[in-house]
Amino acid sequence: MLDVRGEYGHRVTGIGGDAVIVHRVLTGSAESWTVLGDDGLPAEPAEAYLAYLAALERSPNTLRAYAHSLAMWLEFLGGQRTGWREAGVEQVARFVAWLRAPAANVIVLDAGEPARAPATVNRHLAAVFGFYDFHARTGTGTAADLVAWRRTGRGSYKPFLHHVTAGKPIPVRPVKLTVPQRIPDTLTDAQVIALLEACGHLRDRFLLALLAETGMRIGQALGLRHADVVSREKVIRIVARADNANGARAKTRGMHQVPVSAALIRLYSEYMHVEYGPLDSDYVFVNLFAEPLGAPLRYQAVQALVSKLRQRTGIEFSCHALRHSHATDLIRRGVPIEVVSKRLTHASVTTTSAAYVHLQADDIRAELVRAGVWTDPGTGAQQ
């Protein structure tokens, strides 16, 4: 049975045109998102693309993000009095300016702080170009310059895996903003220890210790079942599941085995014995001190814990900062990037390299000493 929940609706405001609303959709236990027009009916072009993404088992969070992006695009086009089929690169450029305007979704001439960062704008553009690519593939006539293609070159240079793409058209984005390289936020060992000591419950301490030691995503941790913790082998399995009752997503496919320390396994055992007790639940992290008791812990509860620990310690951090810290520590210790990538369950080493190879002056100096180029990190004297 289809259930369109109006209470989750979000009206996109713009510079004119018909109102566009993003709605949550429940089909049984499956969650999805759709875009409604001013008449309360699904906007068919967007609905078709979102249904396609849902069929590919994209996460509800991805569907919601794409629905919001498409809603903003359609709202913008309404203000421009341009149909979605007639839109071209010129409209996309105006859309970028609209997104970057200091006043949200309103084009102004005064200079100021952009409303959205380049990375955020690029995520919206990814949804827009994916939308047009989908309709081009299904035979719908759309603006040709929004489905740009290039073919591999005929020069002497052949990129890696050239044989896979040789002669085949490759989709590229006609418009994309340059995103400044950002160094991930990290924590020192002393800060991590302070956060662990500030935890008032073993459950919370085990959660933070797990994130800090493994670099696990919070969604992967919240989706853990007891069967995933293999104490004898000192391994925790990350399993992608679409049916987690708390909506946790692993953001990976298949199953990954993450080796952990004996100390972390002991902390898990203590948590089970002291706080978890005889509670009947498959989930590792559950509500123990608030209703509904035994229900799997949700993202909101973790956010509340993070806020509480920030107040107690004065340390500004996020769960993802623990992941960044672990990855950065491994890289600084000389662990090969391929191993770091596998530990973080990245699909590609390229993703790991782009996110975490951010050596500072002290890191470069240490590497030069380690390689034998320098003998004294203080003077830089050569061998």
Foldseek 3Di string as FASTA:
>chain_A
DKDWDPVQKDWDDAQDAWIKIKIWIDDPNDIAIFIATNVRHTPVLRRVLRVVVVVVVDARVLRSLLRVLVNLLVGQCRNVVHDQQADAPVSLVVSLQLQQDPPHNYHDDDDDGGPDAQVSSQSSLVSSLSSVVVCVVVPHRGDPRSFDWDADDDDPDADPVSVVRHPHIDTDGPDGDDHDQDAAAADDPVVLVLLLVPDPALLVNLLSVCCLFQLADNLQQLQFFPVQCDLVQQKGKRAADCPQPQSRGRPAHGIAIAHDDNVSSVSLVCNCVPQVDPQDERTSAFDRPDPPGPRRDHPVVVVVSLVVSCVVPVDDDDSNNSSLHNLQVCVLVPNDLVVSCSSHNHPDSVVSCSHRPDDDPLSVLVVCCVVQQAVDSVPRDGD
